[in-house]
Structures are given as C-alpha cells and as structure tokens.
C-alpha atoms as a PDB file:
ATOM      1  CA  MET A   1      66.705  79.668 125.466  1.00  0.00           C
ATOM      2  CA  ASP A   2      66.836  83.434 125.506  1.00  0.00           C
ATOM      3  CA  GLY A   3      63.878  85.733 126.882  1.00  0.00           C
ATOM      4  CA  GLU A   4      62.388  86.522 123.670  1.00  0.00           C
ATOM      5  CA  THR A   5      61.732  82.708 122.897  1.00  0.00           C
ATOM      6  CA  ILE A   6      60.126  82.211 126.088  1.00  0.00           C
ATOM      7  CA  PHE A   7      58.025  85.135 125.568  1.00  0.00           C
ATOM      8  CA  ARG A   8      56.863  83.709 122.411  1.00  0.00           C
ATOM      9  CA  VAL A   9      56.280  80.254 123.750  1.00  0.00           C
ATOM     10  CA  LEU A  10      53.973  81.714 126.415  1.00  0.00           C
ATOM     11  CA  VAL A  11      52.299  83.891 123.878  1.00  0.00           C
ATOM     12  CA  GLY A  12      51.640  81.072 121.617  1.00  0.00           C
ATOM     13  CA  GLY A  13      50.436  78.962 124.614  1.00  0.00           C
ATOM     14  CA  VAL A  14      47.805  81.286 125.864  1.00  0.00           C
ATOM     15  CA  LEU A  15      46.560  82.080 122.244  1.00  0.00           C
ATOM     16  CA  SER A  16      45.680  78.248 121.695  1.00  0.00           C
ATOM     17  CA  VAL A  17      44.219  77.574 125.134  1.00  0.00           C
ATOM     18  CA  ALA A  18      42.314  80.923 125.685  1.00  0.00           C
ATOM     19  CA  PRO A  19      39.788  80.043 122.977  1.00  0.00           C
ATOM     20  CA  THR A  20      38.885  76.822 124.402  1.00  0.00           C
ATOM     21  CA  ILE A  21      38.378  78.275 128.020  1.00  0.00           C
ATOM     22  CA  LEU A  22      36.238  81.026 126.451  1.00  0.00           C
ATOM     23  CA  PHE A  23      34.066  78.622 124.469  1.00  0.00           C
ATOM     24  CA  LEU A  24      33.486  76.488 127.580  1.00  0.00           C
ATOM     25  CA  GLY A  25      32.452  79.216 129.434  1.00  0.00           C
ATOM     26  CA  LEU A  26      30.044  80.250 126.749  1.00  0.00           C
ATOM     27  CA  TRP A  27      28.806  76.734 126.542  1.00  0.00           C
ATOM     28  CA  ARG A  28      28.037  76.681 130.262  1.00  0.00           C
ATOM     29  CA  GLY A  29      26.263  80.190 130.157  1.00  0.00           C
ATOM     30  CA  LEU A  30      24.557  78.905 127.280  1.00  0.00           C
ATOM     31  CA  MET A  31      23.226  75.457 129.164  1.00  0.00           C
ATOM     32  CA  ALA A  32      22.615  77.660 132.365  1.00  0.00           C
ATOM     33  CA  LEU A  33      20.053  79.542 130.211  1.00  0.00           C
ATOM     34  CA  ARG A  34      18.505  76.857 128.926  1.00  0.00           C
ATOM     35  CA  ASP A  35      17.186  75.688 132.075  1.00  0.00           C
ATOM     36  CA  ASP A  36      16.214  79.221 133.198  1.00  0.00           C
ATOM     37  CA  ASP A  37      12.956  79.586 135.133  1.00  0.00           C
ATOM     38  CA  LEU A  38      12.104  82.965 133.082  1.00  0.00           C
ATOM     39  CA  ILE A  39      11.946  81.099 129.901  1.00  0.00           C
ATOM     40  CA  ASN A  40       9.836  78.277 131.477  1.00  0.00           C
ATOM     41  CA  ARG A  41       7.409  80.835 133.329  1.00  0.00           C
ATOM     42  CA  THR A  42       7.139  83.034 129.591  1.00  0.00           C
ATOM     43  CA  MET A  43       6.380  79.806 127.966  1.00  0.00           C
ATOM     44  CA  SER A  44       3.722  78.742 130.284  1.00  0.00           C
ATOM     45  CA  GLY A  45       1.680  82.217 130.531  1.00  0.00           C
ATOM     46  CA  GLU A  46       2.701  83.224 133.678  1.00  0.00           C
ATOM     47  CA  PHE A  47       2.797  86.633 133.091  1.00  0.00           C
ATOM     48  CA  GLY A  48      -0.447  87.639 131.900  1.00  0.00           C
ATOM     49  CA  THR A  49      -1.880  87.983 128.342  1.00  0.00           C
ATOM     50  CA  ILE A  50       0.078  87.684 125.449  1.00  0.00           C
ATOM     51  CA  PRO A  51      -0.286  90.177 122.109  1.00  0.00           C
ATOM     52  CA  GLU A  52      -2.913  89.042 119.933  1.00  0.00           C
ATOM     53  CA  SER A  53      -1.090  88.407 116.842  1.00  0.00           C
ATOM     54  CA  PRO A  54      -1.487  85.199 115.225  1.00  0.00           C
ATOM     55  CA  ILE A  55       2.371  84.124 115.518  1.00  0.00           C
ATOM     56  CA  SER A  56       2.940  84.851 119.011  1.00  0.00           C
ATOM     57  CA  ALA A  57      -0.669  82.951 119.861  1.00  0.00           C
ATOM     58  CA  MET A  58       0.881  80.141 118.092  1.00  0.00           C
ATOM     59  CA  MET A  59       3.956  80.086 119.592  1.00  0.00           C
ATOM     60  CA  PHE A  60       2.535  80.332 123.192  1.00  0.00           C
ATOM     61  CA  GLY A  61      -0.121  77.979 122.619  1.00  0.00           C
ATOM     62  CA  ARG A  62      -3.193  80.634 122.731  1.00  0.00           C
ATOM     63  CA  ASN A  63      -6.263  81.105 120.699  1.00  0.00           C
ATOM     64  CA  ALA A  64      -6.797  84.966 119.578  1.00  0.00           C
ATOM     65  CA  ALA A  65      -9.100  85.681 122.790  1.00  0.00           C
ATOM     66  CA  GLY A  66      -5.696  84.815 125.035  1.00  0.00           C
ATOM     67  CA  ARG A  67      -7.115  81.733 126.353  1.00  0.00           C
ATOM     68  CA  GLU A  68      -5.103  78.235 126.416  1.00  0.00           C
ATOM     69  CA  SER A  69      -5.698  76.220 123.134  1.00  0.00           C
ATOM     70  CA  ALA A  70      -3.315  73.775 124.474  1.00  0.00           C
ATOM     71  CA  PRO A  71      -2.060  72.361 121.078  1.00  0.00           C
ATOM     72  CA  ALA A  72      -0.497  68.908 121.069  1.00  0.00           C
ATOM     73  CA  ASN A  73       2.908  69.891 120.264  1.00  0.00           C
ATOM     74  CA  VAL A  74       3.244  72.203 123.426  1.00  0.00           C
ATOM     75  CA  ALA A  75       4.249  70.520 126.474  1.00  0.00           C
ATOM     76  CA  ARG A  76       4.769  71.567 130.057  1.00  0.00           C
ATOM     77  CA  ILE A  77       7.876  71.285 131.427  1.00  0.00           C
ATOM     78  CA  GLU A  78       8.356  69.331 134.437  1.00  0.00           C
ATOM     79  CA  ARG A  79      10.611  69.628 137.294  1.00  0.00           C
ATOM     80  CA  VAL A  80      12.755  67.051 139.037  1.00  0.00           C
ATOM     81  CA  ARG A  81      14.133  67.655 142.475  1.00  0.00           C
ATOM     82  CA  CYS A  82      17.779  66.981 143.237  1.00  0.00           C
ATOM     83  CA  PRO A  83      18.476  64.401 145.846  1.00  0.00           C
ATOM     84  CA  SER A  84      21.335  66.086 146.979  1.00  0.00           C
ATOM     85  CA  CYS A  85      20.828  69.880 147.147  1.00  0.00           C
ATOM     86  CA  ALA A  86      16.919  69.936 146.573  1.00  0.00           C
ATOM     87  CA  GLU A  87      17.325  72.326 143.611  1.00  0.00           C
ATOM     88  CA  PRO A  88      14.467  72.169 141.208  1.00  0.00           C
ATOM     89  CA  ASN A  89      15.722  70.835 137.311  1.00  0.00           C
ATOM     90  CA  THR A  90      14.341  70.011 134.089  1.00  0.00           C
ATOM     91  CA  SER A  91      12.858  66.527 133.561  1.00  0.00           C
ATOM     92  CA  TYR A  92      15.592  66.171 130.605  1.00  0.00           C
ATOM     93  CA  ALA A  93      18.457  66.989 132.764  1.00  0.00           C
ATOM     94  CA  ALA A  94      21.164  64.940 133.329  1.00  0.00           C
ATOM     95  CA  PHE A  95      22.984  66.601 136.133  1.00  0.00           C
ATOM     96  CA  CYS A  96      21.726  69.062 138.801  1.00  0.00           C
ATOM     97  CA  ARG A  97      22.519  72.950 137.559  1.00  0.00           C
ATOM     98  CA  ASN A  98      23.334  73.524 141.477  1.00  0.00           C
ATOM     99  CA  CYS A  99      25.514  71.061 142.547  1.00  0.00           C
ATOM    100  CA  LEU A 100      26.393  68.665 139.214  1.00  0.00           C
ATOM    101  CA  GLU A 101      25.061  65.630 140.908  1.00  0.00           C
ATOM    102  CA  LYS A 102      23.900  62.890 138.583  1.00  0.00           C
ATOM    103  CA  LEU A 103      19.695  62.956 138.613  1.00  0.00           C
ATOM    104  CA  ARG A 104      19.363  59.455 137.181  1.00  0.00           C
END
C-alpha cells in the first residue's frame, strides 16, 4: 500500500472512533452532573429563600410565604456511603461515583 492509502485508512479510523469516544465522555459528564451536590442542595432549599413565583414555588415544594409545603411528590434524596472509599452517593446509584465500586 502506498502512503496515501495508509493516510486515508487512518483518517477513516479516527473519524469512526472519535464520535464514540466523545459521546462516552459526554455521557460520563452528564452522569456526574446528575449526582451533583449543588443540584441536591438547591432542590432541598439550602440556599435561602426562593423567588415568590408560583412556578418556582411549585418546583421547589414551597408555598408563597417561602415555607416548605412538603408535597407528596417531592422526596428528599438520601445518601449512601461507599464501603470502599466512604464517598457519599445517592441511594439510587448502583456504582460509587468516586471509585466505581458496586454499591449494592
């Protein structure tokens, strides 16, 4: 094979493998964001008062006065510690987000 054919085969290989690697990286990043402490702390109302809009009050489970109304469909996210590294993980996680050890 000549140099141009080898170059075309290499470019074709990179173009077929690169999107898969980028997608897996994006997927891993989205999974890390799903378990982010900032999201959990925001949903629990740790950052003070929430604007008095009916939509945000409904989303965060608060009434117009800013007090928790505790609707039945809003559940608190419980944490489970990893037996290997003691990293706190959400209770629905199957693997530790730090060491990838199986939690259940």
